[in-house]
Amino acid sequence: MTAWFDVSGVNVAVWSIYTDPAKTVFAINFEWMHRRGKGVPAYMLDRLADRLRPLPSVAALYEDLAQRGYDKRPSIPVNQLFSAADAVDRIIAAVDELTSANGSTGSKQ
């Protein structure tokens, strides 16, 4: 499942969750949002990444986002990510902050 939002005037796939009997992962789609500099501005992606780095397993995966031009969609196993009691609240707050900069709304596809 992928959640799409209007961010900075661009309709983008902000996050995805991939389910499989063996492993379920959650990803913030930096690559799809940035679109090689033609999508969401880098400073907004930096702020989003900063808000999520404290979550389990995230800091190492986000370490080189800017250096790689946001050309990443790091997948985080949900059993690790959601082991933090505040994971859901932190993710919702970070996405809300990202999307509220322009009063966007979300949709699931």
PDB file of N, CA and C in Angstrom:
ATOM      1  N   MET A   1       0.843  -1.152   0.000  1.00  0.00           N
ATOM      2  CA  MET A   1       0.000   0.000   0.000  1.00  0.00           C
ATOM      3  C   MET A   1       0.898   1.227   0.000  1.00  0.00           C
ATOM      4  N   THR A   2       0.502   2.228  -0.765  1.00  0.00           N
ATOM      5  CA  THR A   2       1.253   3.472  -0.841  1.00  0.00           C
ATOM      6  C   THR A   2       0.321   4.638  -0.565  1.00  0.00           C
ATOM      7  N   ALA A   3       0.787   5.578   0.236  1.00  0.00           N
ATOM      8  CA  ALA A   3       0.003   6.774   0.551  1.00  0.00           C
ATOM      9  C   ALA A   3       0.555   7.951  -0.249  1.00  0.00           C
ATOM     10  N   TRP A   4      -0.322   8.579  -1.013  1.00  0.00           N
ATOM     11  CA  TRP A   4       0.032   9.728  -1.852  1.00  0.00           C
ATOM     12  C   TRP A   4      -0.484  11.006  -1.203  1.00  0.00           C
ATOM     13  N   PHE A   5       0.301  12.070  -1.310  1.00  0.00           N
ATOM     14  CA  PHE A   5      -0.069  13.373  -0.780  1.00  0.00           C
ATOM     15  C   PHE A   5       0.404  14.453  -1.750  1.00  0.00           C
ATOM     16  N   ASP A   6      -0.253  15.599  -1.684  1.00  0.00           N
ATOM     17  CA  ASP A   6       0.251  16.779  -2.382  1.00  0.00           C
ATOM     18  C   ASP A   6       1.235  17.447  -1.439  1.00  0.00           C
ATOM     19  N   VAL A   7       2.487  17.544  -1.859  1.00  0.00           N
ATOM     20  CA  VAL A   7       3.528  18.161  -1.045  1.00  0.00           C
ATOM     21  C   VAL A   7       4.246  19.179  -1.914  1.00  0.00           C
ATOM     22  N   SER A   8       4.258  20.392  -1.449  1.00  0.00           N
ATOM     23  CA  SER A   8       4.946  21.456  -2.178  1.00  0.00           C
ATOM     24  C   SER A   8       4.462  21.544  -3.627  1.00  0.00           C
ATOM     25  N   GLY A   9       3.161  21.337  -3.820  1.00  0.00           N
ATOM     26  CA  GLY A   9       2.565  21.436  -5.140  1.00  0.00           C
ATOM     27  C   GLY A   9       2.759  20.238  -6.047  1.00  0.00           C
ATOM     28  N   VAL A  10       3.291  19.150  -5.508  1.00  0.00           N
ATOM     29  CA  VAL A  10       3.548  17.949  -6.295  1.00  0.00           C
ATOM     30  C   VAL A  10       2.838  16.764  -5.642  1.00  0.00           C
ATOM     31  N   ASN A  11       2.133  15.960  -6.418  1.00  0.00           N
ATOM     32  CA  ASN A  11       1.493  14.756  -5.912  1.00  0.00           C
ATOM     33  C   ASN A  11       2.552  13.651  -5.849  1.00  0.00           C
ATOM     34  N   VAL A  12       2.848  13.199  -4.630  1.00  0.00           N
ATOM     35  CA  VAL A  12       3.937  12.235  -4.454  1.00  0.00           C
ATOM     36  C   VAL A  12       3.532  11.071  -3.558  1.00  0.00           C
ATOM     37  N   ALA A  13       4.209   9.955  -3.768  1.00  0.00           N
ATOM     38  CA  ALA A  13       4.047   8.764  -2.929  1.00  0.00           C
ATOM     39  C   ALA A  13       4.972   8.923  -1.721  1.00  0.00           C
ATOM     40  N   VAL A  14       4.414   9.327  -0.592  1.00  0.00           N
ATOM     41  CA  VAL A  14       5.225   9.637   0.586  1.00  0.00           C
ATOM     42  C   VAL A  14       5.730   8.384   1.280  1.00  0.00           C
ATOM     43  N   TRP A  15       4.852   7.431   1.510  1.00  0.00           N
ATOM     44  CA  TRP A  15       5.294   6.207   2.191  1.00  0.00           C
ATOM     45  C   TRP A  15       4.593   5.001   1.596  1.00  0.00           C
ATOM     46  N   SER A  16       5.229   3.855   1.822  1.00  0.00           N
ATOM     47  CA  SER A  16       4.669   2.582   1.370  1.00  0.00           C
ATOM     48  C   SER A  16       4.885   1.540   2.450  1.00  0.00           C
ATOM     49  N   ILE A  17       3.995   0.585   2.484  1.00  0.00           N
ATOM     50  CA  ILE A  17       4.193  -0.579   3.333  1.00  0.00           C
ATOM     51  C   ILE A  17       4.028  -1.798   2.438  1.00  0.00           C
ATOM     52  N   TYR A  18       5.010  -2.665   2.502  1.00  0.00           N
ATOM     53  CA  TYR A  18       5.036  -3.870   1.672  1.00  0.00           C
ATOM     54  C   TYR A  18       4.864  -5.069   2.592  1.00  0.00           C
ATOM     55  N   THR A  19       3.883  -5.890   2.290  1.00  0.00           N
ATOM     56  CA  THR A  19       3.640  -7.055   3.133  1.00  0.00           C
ATOM     57  C   THR A  19       3.967  -8.338   2.381  1.00  0.00           C
ATOM     58  N   ASP A  20       4.506  -9.243   3.119  1.00  0.00           N
ATOM     59  CA  ASP A  20       4.887 -10.547   2.602  1.00  0.00           C
ATOM     60  C   ASP A  20       4.823 -11.494   3.793  1.00  0.00           C
ATOM     61  N   PRO A  21       4.449 -12.734   3.587  1.00  0.00           N
ATOM     62  CA  PRO A  21       4.389 -13.652   4.733  1.00  0.00           C
ATOM     63  C   PRO A  21       5.704 -13.744   5.502  1.00  0.00           C
ATOM     64  N   ALA A  22       6.814 -13.576   4.812  1.00  0.00           N
ATOM     65  CA  ALA A  22       8.107 -13.702   5.473  1.00  0.00           C
ATOM     66  C   ALA A  22       8.567 -12.401   6.132  1.00  0.00           C
ATOM     67  N   LYS A  23       8.147 -11.251   5.587  1.00  0.00           N
ATOM     68  CA  LYS A  23       8.678  -9.989   6.097  1.00  0.00           C
ATOM     69  C   LYS A  23       7.800  -8.832   5.609  1.00  0.00           C
ATOM     70  N   THR A  24       7.482  -7.907   6.514  1.00  0.00           N
ATOM     71  CA  THR A  24       6.750  -6.701   6.166  1.00  0.00           C
ATOM     72  C   THR A  24       7.657  -5.515   6.434  1.00  0.00           C
ATOM     73  N   VAL A  25       7.725  -4.591   5.456  1.00  0.00           N
ATOM     74  CA  VAL A  25       8.605  -3.430   5.598  1.00  0.00           C
ATOM     75  C   VAL A  25       7.840  -2.140   5.327  1.00  0.00           C
ATOM     76  N   PHE A  26       8.328  -1.072   5.939  1.00  0.00           N
ATOM     77  CA  PHE A  26       7.780   0.273   5.785  1.00  0.00           C
ATOM     78  C   PHE A  26       8.868   1.129   5.159  1.00  0.00           C
ATOM     79  N   ALA A  27       8.489   1.976   4.201  1.00  0.00           N
ATOM     80  CA  ALA A  27       9.481   2.830   3.541  1.00  0.00           C
ATOM     81  C   ALA A  27       8.954   4.239   3.355  1.00  0.00           C
ATOM     82  N   ILE A  28       9.798   5.209   3.651  1.00  0.00           N
ATOM     83  CA  ILE A  28       9.544   6.593   3.249  1.00  0.00           C
ATOM     84  C   ILE A  28      10.187   6.715   1.876  1.00  0.00           C
ATOM     85  N   ASN A  29       9.415   7.150   0.902  1.00  0.00           N
ATOM     86  CA  ASN A  29       9.854   7.133  -0.500  1.00  0.00           C
ATOM     87  C   ASN A  29      10.576   8.423  -0.901  1.00  0.00           C
ATOM     88  N   PHE A  30      11.745   8.645  -0.327  1.00  0.00           N
ATOM     89  CA  PHE A  30      12.509   9.855  -0.630  1.00  0.00           C
ATOM     90  C   PHE A  30      12.765   9.986  -2.135  1.00  0.00           C
ATOM     91  N   GLU A  31      13.136   8.891  -2.759  1.00  0.00           N
ATOM     92  CA  GLU A  31      13.438   8.913  -4.198  1.00  0.00           C
ATOM     93  C   GLU A  31      12.235   9.396  -5.005  1.00  0.00           C
ATOM     94  N   TRP A  32      11.078   8.863  -4.718  1.00  0.00           N
ATOM     95  CA  TRP A  32       9.881   9.233  -5.484  1.00  0.00           C
ATOM     96  C   TRP A  32       9.446  10.652  -5.179  1.00  0.00           C
ATOM     97  N   MET A  33       9.695  11.116  -3.940  1.00  0.00           N
ATOM     98  CA  MET A  33       9.308  12.481  -3.596  1.00  0.00           C
ATOM     99  C   MET A  33      10.233  13.516  -4.230  1.00  0.00           C
ATOM    100  N   HIS A  34      11.517  13.218  -4.258  1.00  0.00           N
ATOM    101  CA  HIS A  34      12.492  14.203  -4.743  1.00  0.00           C
ATOM    102  C   HIS A  34      12.547  14.265  -6.269  1.00  0.00           C
ATOM    103  N   ARG A  35      12.358  13.138  -6.916  1.00  0.00           N
ATOM    104  CA  ARG A  35      12.336  13.058  -8.385  1.00  0.00           C
ATOM    105  C   ARG A  35      13.501  13.796  -9.040  1.00  0.00           C
ATOM    106  N   ARG A  36      14.685  13.496  -8.559  1.00  0.00           N
ATOM    107  CA  ARG A  36      15.917  14.094  -9.103  1.00  0.00           C
ATOM    108  C   ARG A  36      15.852  15.616  -9.131  1.00  0.00           C
ATOM    109  N   GLY A  37      15.369  16.188  -8.025  1.00  0.00           N
ATOM    110  CA  GLY A  37      15.339  17.627  -7.873  1.00  0.00           C
ATOM    111  C   GLY A  37      14.116  18.311  -8.450  1.00  0.00           C
ATOM    112  N   LYS A  38      13.181  17.560  -9.033  1.00  0.00           N
ATOM    113  CA  LYS A  38      11.998  18.167  -9.654  1.00  0.00           C
ATOM    114  C   LYS A  38      10.743  17.995  -8.803  1.00  0.00           C
ATOM    115  N   GLY A  39      10.882  17.474  -7.615  1.00  0.00           N
ATOM    116  CA  GLY A  39       9.733  17.219  -6.755  1.00  0.00           C
ATOM    117  C   GLY A  39       9.813  18.028  -5.483  1.00  0.00           C
ATOM    118  N   VAL A  40       9.679  17.347  -4.363  1.00  0.00           N
ATOM    119  CA  VAL A  40       9.719  17.984  -3.054  1.00  0.00           C
ATOM    120  C   VAL A  40      11.134  18.516  -2.817  1.00  0.00           C
ATOM    121  N   PRO A  41      11.256  19.774  -2.369  1.00  0.00           N
ATOM    122  CA  PRO A  41      12.585  20.346  -2.130  1.00  0.00           C
ATOM    123  C   PRO A  41      13.384  19.576  -1.083  1.00  0.00           C
ATOM    124  N   ALA A  42      14.689  19.576  -1.254  1.00  0.00           N
ATOM    125  CA  ALA A  42      15.596  18.841  -0.367  1.00  0.00           C
ATOM    126  C   ALA A  42      15.468  19.272   1.085  1.00  0.00           C
ATOM    127  N   TYR A  43      15.286  20.556   1.341  1.00  0.00           N
ATOM    128  CA  TYR A  43      15.212  20.997   2.741  1.00  0.00           C
ATOM    129  C   TYR A  43      14.009  20.367   3.455  1.00  0.00           C
ATOM    130  N   MET A  44      12.923  20.119   2.729  1.00  0.00           N
ATOM    131  CA  MET A  44      11.759  19.477   3.336  1.00  0.00           C
ATOM    132  C   MET A  44      12.035  18.003   3.613  1.00  0.00           C
ATOM    133  N   LEU A  45      12.762  17.360   2.720  1.00  0.00           N
ATOM    134  CA  LEU A  45      13.122  15.951   2.928  1.00  0.00           C
ATOM    135  C   LEU A  45      14.122  15.816   4.069  1.00  0.00           C
ATOM    136  N   ASP A  46      15.029  16.780   4.186  1.00  0.00           N
ATOM    137  CA  ASP A  46      15.971  16.785   5.314  1.00  0.00           C
ATOM    138  C   ASP A  46      15.216  16.833   6.638  1.00  0.00           C
ATOM    139  N   ARG A  47      14.244  17.724   6.717  1.00  0.00           N
ATOM    140  CA  ARG A  47      13.465  17.879   7.943  1.00  0.00           C
ATOM    141  C   ARG A  47      12.678  16.603   8.249  1.00  0.00           C
ATOM    142  N   LEU A  48      12.088  15.997   7.224  1.00  0.00           N
ATOM    143  CA  LEU A  48      11.367  14.739   7.413  1.00  0.00           C
ATOM    144  C   LEU A  48      12.304  13.656   7.956  1.00  0.00           C
ATOM    145  N   ALA A  49      13.458  13.515   7.343  1.00  0.00           N
ATOM    146  CA  ALA A  49      14.432  12.510   7.792  1.00  0.00           C
ATOM    147  C   ALA A  49      14.870  12.774   9.227  1.00  0.00           C
ATOM    148  N   ASP A  50      15.109  14.048   9.574  1.00  0.00           N
ATOM    149  CA  ASP A  50      15.520  14.389  10.938  1.00  0.00           C
ATOM    150  C   ASP A  50      14.463  13.984  11.962  1.00  0.00           C
ATOM    151  N   ARG A  51      13.193  14.122  11.609  1.00  0.00           N
ATOM    152  CA  ARG A  51      12.113  13.770  12.530  1.00  0.00           C
ATOM    153  C   ARG A  51      12.023  12.258  12.750  1.00  0.00           C
ATOM    154  N   LEU A  52      12.452  11.486  11.766  1.00  0.00           N
ATOM    155  CA  LEU A  52      12.313  10.025  11.842  1.00  0.00           C
ATOM    156  C   LEU A  52      13.573   9.307  12.311  1.00  0.00           C
ATOM    157  N   ARG A  53      14.715   9.943  12.259  1.00  0.00           N
ATOM    158  CA  ARG A  53      15.976   9.291  12.634  1.00  0.00           C
ATOM    159  C   ARG A  53      15.989   8.673  14.029  1.00  0.00           C
ATOM    160  N   PRO A  54      15.300   9.255  15.036  1.00  0.00           N
ATOM    161  CA  PRO A  54      15.335   8.640  16.371  1.00  0.00           C
ATOM    162  C   PRO A  54      14.659   7.262  16.454  1.00  0.00           C
ATOM    163  N   LEU A  55      13.882   6.894  15.453  1.00  0.00           N
ATOM    164  CA  LEU A  55      13.205   5.597  15.489  1.00  0.00           C
ATOM    165  C   LEU A  55      14.193   4.444  15.298  1.00  0.00           C
ATOM    166  N   PRO A  56      13.871   3.271  15.857  1.00  0.00           N
ATOM    167  CA  PRO A  56      14.767   2.120  15.734  1.00  0.00           C
ATOM    168  C   PRO A  56      15.086   1.777  14.281  1.00  0.00           C
ATOM    169  N   SER A  57      16.350   1.542  13.996  1.00  0.00           N
ATOM    170  CA  SER A  57      16.865   1.104  12.687  1.00  0.00           C
ATOM    171  C   SER A  57      16.869   2.189  11.616  1.00  0.00           C
ATOM    172  N   VAL A  58      16.402   3.393  11.923  1.00  0.00           N
ATOM    173  CA  VAL A  58      16.251   4.419  10.896  1.00  0.00           C
ATOM    174  C   VAL A  58      17.538   5.218  10.660  1.00  0.00           C
ATOM    175  N   ALA A  59      18.222   5.640  11.697  1.00  0.00           N
ATOM    176  CA  ALA A  59      19.381   6.530  11.550  1.00  0.00           C
ATOM    177  C   ALA A  59      20.407   5.984  10.559  1.00  0.00           C
ATOM    178  N   ALA A  60      20.741   4.722  10.675  1.00  0.00           N
ATOM    179  CA  ALA A  60      21.744   4.141   9.771  1.00  0.00           C
ATOM    180  C   ALA A  60      21.253   4.118   8.324  1.00  0.00           C
ATOM    181  N   LEU A  61      19.976   3.848   8.122  1.00  0.00           N
ATOM    182  CA  LEU A  61      19.432   3.796   6.766  1.00  0.00           C
ATOM    183  C   LEU A  61      19.352   5.174   6.114  1.00  0.00           C
ATOM    184  N   TYR A  62      19.192   6.216   6.926  1.00  0.00           N
ATOM    185  CA  TYR A  62      19.055   7.576   6.407  1.00  0.00           C
ATOM    186  C   TYR A  62      20.381   8.333   6.375  1.00  0.00           C
ATOM    187  N   GLU A  63      21.436   7.677   6.787  1.00  0.00           N
ATOM    188  CA  GLU A  63      22.739   8.322   6.955  1.00  0.00           C
ATOM    189  C   GLU A  63      23.222   9.070   5.706  1.00  0.00           C
ATOM    190  N   ASP A  64      23.048   8.497   4.534  1.00  0.00           N
ATOM    191  CA  ASP A  64      23.604   9.102   3.324  1.00  0.00           C
ATOM    192  C   ASP A  64      22.544   9.626   2.353  1.00  0.00           C
ATOM    193  N   LEU A  65      21.376   9.961   2.857  1.00  0.00           N
ATOM    194  CA  LEU A  65      20.289  10.431   1.987  1.00  0.00           C
ATOM    195  C   LEU A  65      20.699  11.634   1.143  1.00  0.00           C
ATOM    196  N   ALA A  66      21.189  12.683   1.776  1.00  0.00           N
ATOM    197  CA  ALA A  66      21.548  13.906   1.047  1.00  0.00           C
ATOM    198  C   ALA A  66      22.689  13.646   0.067  1.00  0.00           C
ATOM    199  N   GLN A  67      23.690  12.890   0.500  1.00  0.00           N
ATOM    200  CA  GLN A  67      24.833  12.598  -0.370  1.00  0.00           C
ATOM    201  C   GLN A  67      24.410  11.832  -1.618  1.00  0.00           C
ATOM    202  N   ARG A  68      23.385  11.028  -1.510  1.00  0.00           N
ATOM    203  CA  ARG A  68      22.898  10.236  -2.653  1.00  0.00           C
ATOM    204  C   ARG A  68      21.783  10.945  -3.411  1.00  0.00           C
ATOM    205  N   GLY A  69      21.566  12.212  -3.119  1.00  0.00           N
ATOM    206  CA  GLY A  69      20.543  12.973  -3.815  1.00  0.00           C
ATOM    207  C   GLY A  69      19.138  12.466  -3.553  1.00  0.00           C
ATOM    208  N   TYR A  70      18.925  11.895  -2.376  1.00  0.00           N
ATOM    209  CA  TYR A  70      17.625  11.343  -1.979  1.00  0.00           C
ATOM    210  C   TYR A  70      17.155  10.237  -2.907  1.00  0.00           C
ATOM    211  N   ASP A  71      18.085   9.592  -3.538  1.00  0.00           N
ATOM    212  CA  ASP A  71      17.784   8.510  -4.476  1.00  0.00           C
ATOM    213  C   ASP A  71      17.682   7.181  -3.725  1.00  0.00           C
ATOM    214  N   LYS A  72      16.848   7.177  -2.672  1.00  0.00           N
ATOM    215  CA  LYS A  72      16.693   5.988  -1.836  1.00  0.00           C
ATOM    216  C   LYS A  72      15.260   5.871  -1.354  1.00  0.00           C
ATOM    217  N   ARG A  73      14.853   4.630  -1.139  1.00  0.00           N
ATOM    218  CA  ARG A  73      13.584   4.307  -0.492  1.00  0.00           C
ATOM    219  C   ARG A  73      13.887   3.243   0.556  1.00  0.00           C
ATOM    220  N   PRO A  74      14.574   3.626   1.648  1.00  0.00           N
ATOM    221  CA  PRO A  74      15.012   2.630   2.632  1.00  0.00           C
ATOM    222  C   PRO A  74      13.839   1.873   3.245  1.00  0.00           C
ATOM    223  N   SER A  75      13.917   0.563   3.218  1.00  0.00           N
ATOM    224  CA  SER A  75      12.883  -0.295   3.783  1.00  0.00           C
ATOM    225  C   SER A  75      13.268  -0.703   5.192  1.00  0.00           C
ATOM    226  N   ILE A  76      12.343  -0.500   6.114  1.00  0.00           N
ATOM    227  CA  ILE A  76      12.594  -0.798   7.517  1.00  0.00           C
ATOM    228  C   ILE A  76      11.647  -1.917   7.943  1.00  0.00           C
ATOM    229  N   PRO A  77      12.172  -3.027   8.428  1.00  0.00           N
ATOM    230  CA  PRO A  77      11.293  -4.097   8.911  1.00  0.00           C
ATOM    231  C   PRO A  77      10.362  -3.554  10.001  1.00  0.00           C
ATOM    232  N   VAL A  78       9.070  -3.794   9.855  1.00  0.00           N
ATOM    233  CA  VAL A  78       8.112  -3.220  10.800  1.00  0.00           C
ATOM    234  C   VAL A  78       8.294  -3.748  12.217  1.00  0.00           C
ATOM    235  N   ASN A  79       8.767  -4.961  12.366  1.00  0.00           N
ATOM    236  CA  ASN A  79       8.960  -5.482  13.720  1.00  0.00           C
ATOM    237  C   ASN A  79      10.041  -4.700  14.464  1.00  0.00           C
ATOM    238  N   GLN A  80      11.005  -4.128  13.744  1.00  0.00           N
ATOM    239  CA  GLN A  80      12.022  -3.271  14.369  1.00  0.00           C
ATOM    240  C   GLN A  80      11.480  -1.851  14.554  1.00  0.00           C
ATOM    241  N   LEU A  81      10.933  -1.296  13.482  1.00  0.00           N
ATOM    242  CA  LEU A  81      10.459   0.081  13.501  1.00  0.00           C
ATOM    243  C   LEU A  81       9.410   0.317  14.569  1.00  0.00           C
ATOM    244  N   PHE A  82       8.413  -0.546  14.614  1.00  0.00           N
ATOM    245  CA  PHE A  82       7.305  -0.340  15.535  1.00  0.00           C
ATOM    246  C   PHE A  82       7.555  -0.923  16.919  1.00  0.00           C
ATOM    247  N   SER A  83       8.795  -1.278  17.222  1.00  0.00           N
ATOM    248  CA  SER A  83       9.137  -1.679  18.578  1.00  0.00           C
ATOM    249  C   SER A  83       9.193  -0.460  19.499  1.00  0.00           C
ATOM    250  N   ALA A  84       9.322   0.726  18.934  1.00  0.00           N
ATOM    251  CA  ALA A  84       9.305   1.957  19.725  1.00  0.00           C
ATOM    252  C   ALA A  84       7.855   2.344  20.002  1.00  0.00           C
ATOM    253  N   ALA A  85       7.563   2.652  21.249  1.00  0.00           N
ATOM    254  CA  ALA A  85       6.194   2.991  21.639  1.00  0.00           C
ATOM    255  C   ALA A  85       5.660   4.224  20.912  1.00  0.00           C
ATOM    256  N   ASP A  86       6.552   5.134  20.544  1.00  0.00           N
ATOM    257  CA  ASP A  86       6.112   6.374  19.900  1.00  0.00           C
ATOM    258  C   ASP A  86       6.254   6.342  18.375  1.00  0.00           C
ATOM    259  N   ALA A  87       6.517   5.191  17.789  1.00  0.00           N
ATOM    260  CA  ALA A  87       6.779   5.110  16.341  1.00  0.00           C
ATOM    261  C   ALA A  87       5.616   5.641  15.511  1.00  0.00           C
ATOM    262  N   VAL A  88       4.420   5.190  15.778  1.00  0.00           N
ATOM    263  CA  VAL A  88       3.266   5.625  14.981  1.00  0.00           C
ATOM    264  C   VAL A  88       3.065   7.126  15.122  1.00  0.00           C
ATOM    265  N   ASP A  89       3.090   7.625  16.354  1.00  0.00           N
ATOM    266  CA  ASP A  89       2.902   9.061  16.579  1.00  0.00           C
ATOM    267  C   ASP A  89       3.987   9.884  15.897  1.00  0.00           C
ATOM    268  N   ARG A  90       5.222   9.418  15.966  1.00  0.00           N
ATOM    269  CA  ARG A  90       6.338  10.148  15.353  1.00  0.00           C
ATOM    270  C   ARG A  90       6.190  10.177  13.821  1.00  0.00           C
ATOM    271  N   ILE A  91       5.820   9.061  13.230  1.00  0.00           N
ATOM    272  CA  ILE A  91       5.649   9.002  11.770  1.00  0.00           C
ATOM    273  C   ILE A  91       4.493   9.909  11.337  1.00  0.00           C
ATOM    274  N   ILE A  92       3.377   9.842  12.042  1.00  0.00           N
ATOM    275  CA  ILE A  92       2.231  10.692  11.700  1.00  0.00           C
ATOM    276  C   ILE A  92       2.601  12.164  11.827  1.00  0.00           C
ATOM    277  N   ALA A  93       3.275  12.544  12.901  1.00  0.00           N
ATOM    278  CA  ALA A  93       3.661  13.940  13.098  1.00  0.00           C
ATOM    279  C   ALA A  93       4.613  14.410  12.000  1.00  0.00           C
ATOM    280  N   ALA A  94       5.565  13.560  11.620  1.00  0.00           N
ATOM    281  CA  ALA A  94       6.532  13.930  10.582  1.00  0.00           C
ATOM    282  C   ALA A  94       5.858  14.109   9.229  1.00  0.00           C
ATOM    283  N   VAL A  95       4.945  13.202   8.884  1.00  0.00           N
ATOM    284  CA  VAL A  95       4.232  13.305   7.608  1.00  0.00           C
ATOM    285  C   VAL A  95       3.271  14.494   7.641  1.00  0.00           C
ATOM    286  N   ASP A  96       2.622  14.716   8.775  1.00  0.00           N
ATOM    287  CA  ASP A  96       1.751  15.887   8.901  1.00  0.00           C
ATOM    288  C   ASP A  96       2.535  17.182   8.691  1.00  0.00           C
ATOM    289  N   GLU A  97       3.707  17.246   9.291  1.00  0.00           N
ATOM    290  CA  GLU A  97       4.547  18.442   9.125  1.00  0.00           C
ATOM    291  C   GLU A  97       4.940  18.628   7.655  1.00  0.00           C
ATOM    292  N   LEU A  98       5.308  17.542   7.006  1.00  0.00           N
ATOM    293  CA  LEU A  98       5.690  17.600   5.597  1.00  0.00           C
ATOM    294  C   LEU A  98       4.538  18.102   4.741  1.00  0.00           C
ATOM    295  N   THR A  99       3.359  17.576   4.977  1.00  0.00           N
ATOM    296  CA  THR A  99       2.220  17.903   4.117  1.00  0.00           C
ATOM    297  C   THR A  99       1.528  19.204   4.501  1.00  0.00           C
ATOM    298  N   SER A 100       1.645  19.637   5.735  1.00  0.00           N
ATOM    299  CA  SER A 100       0.940  20.839   6.161  1.00  0.00           C
ATOM    300  C   SER A 100       1.605  22.117   5.680  1.00  0.00           C
ATOM    301  N   ALA A 101       2.802  22.029   5.151  1.00  0.00           N
ATOM    302  CA  ALA A 101       3.492  23.214   4.646  1.00  0.00           C
ATOM    303  C   ALA A 101       2.687  23.884   3.548  1.00  0.00           C
ATOM    304  N   ASN A 102       1.844  23.135   2.862  1.00  0.00           N
ATOM    305  CA  ASN A 102       1.034  23.720   1.787  1.00  0.00           C
ATOM    306  C   ASN A 102      -0.425  23.305   1.888  1.00  0.00           C
ATOM    307  N   GLY A 103      -0.848  22.851   3.076  1.00  0.00           N
ATOM    308  CA  GLY A 103      -2.247  22.503   3.269  1.00  0.00           C
ATOM    309  C   GLY A 103      -2.691  21.316   2.417  1.00  0.00           C
ATOM    310  N   SER A 104      -1.785  20.377   2.161  1.00  0.00           N
ATOM    311  CA  SER A 104      -2.120  19.250   1.289  1.00  0.00           C
ATOM    312  C   SER A 104      -3.019  18.260   1.991  1.00  0.00           C
ATOM    313  N   THR A 105      -3.541  17.364   1.208  1.00  0.00           N
ATOM    314  CA  THR A 105      -4.357  16.279   1.722  1.00  0.00           C
ATOM    315  C   THR A 105      -3.791  14.976   1.235  1.00  0.00           C
ATOM    316  N   GLY A 106      -4.107  13.911   1.890  1.00  0.00           N
ATOM    317  CA  GLY A 106      -3.561  12.621   1.503  1.00  0.00           C
ATOM    318  C   GLY A 106      -4.595  11.710   0.895  1.00  0.00           C
ATOM    319  N   SER A 107      -4.095  10.732   0.174  1.00  0.00           N
ATOM    320  CA  SER A 107      -4.960   9.684  -0.359  1.00  0.00           C
ATOM    321  C   SER A 107      -4.177   8.399  -0.401  1.00  0.00           C
ATOM    322  N   LYS A 108      -4.864   7.303  -0.257  1.00  0.00           N
ATOM    323  CA  LYS A 108      -4.204   5.989  -0.310  1.00  0.00           C
ATOM    324  C   LYS A 108      -4.476   5.371  -1.662  1.00  0.00           C
ATOM    325  N   GLN A 109      -3.451   4.757  -2.232  1.00  0.00           N
ATOM    326  CA  GLN A 109      -3.601   4.082  -3.523  1.00  0.00           C
ATOM    327  C   GLN A 109      -3.066   2.687  -3.419  1.00  0.00           C
TER     328      GLN A 109
END
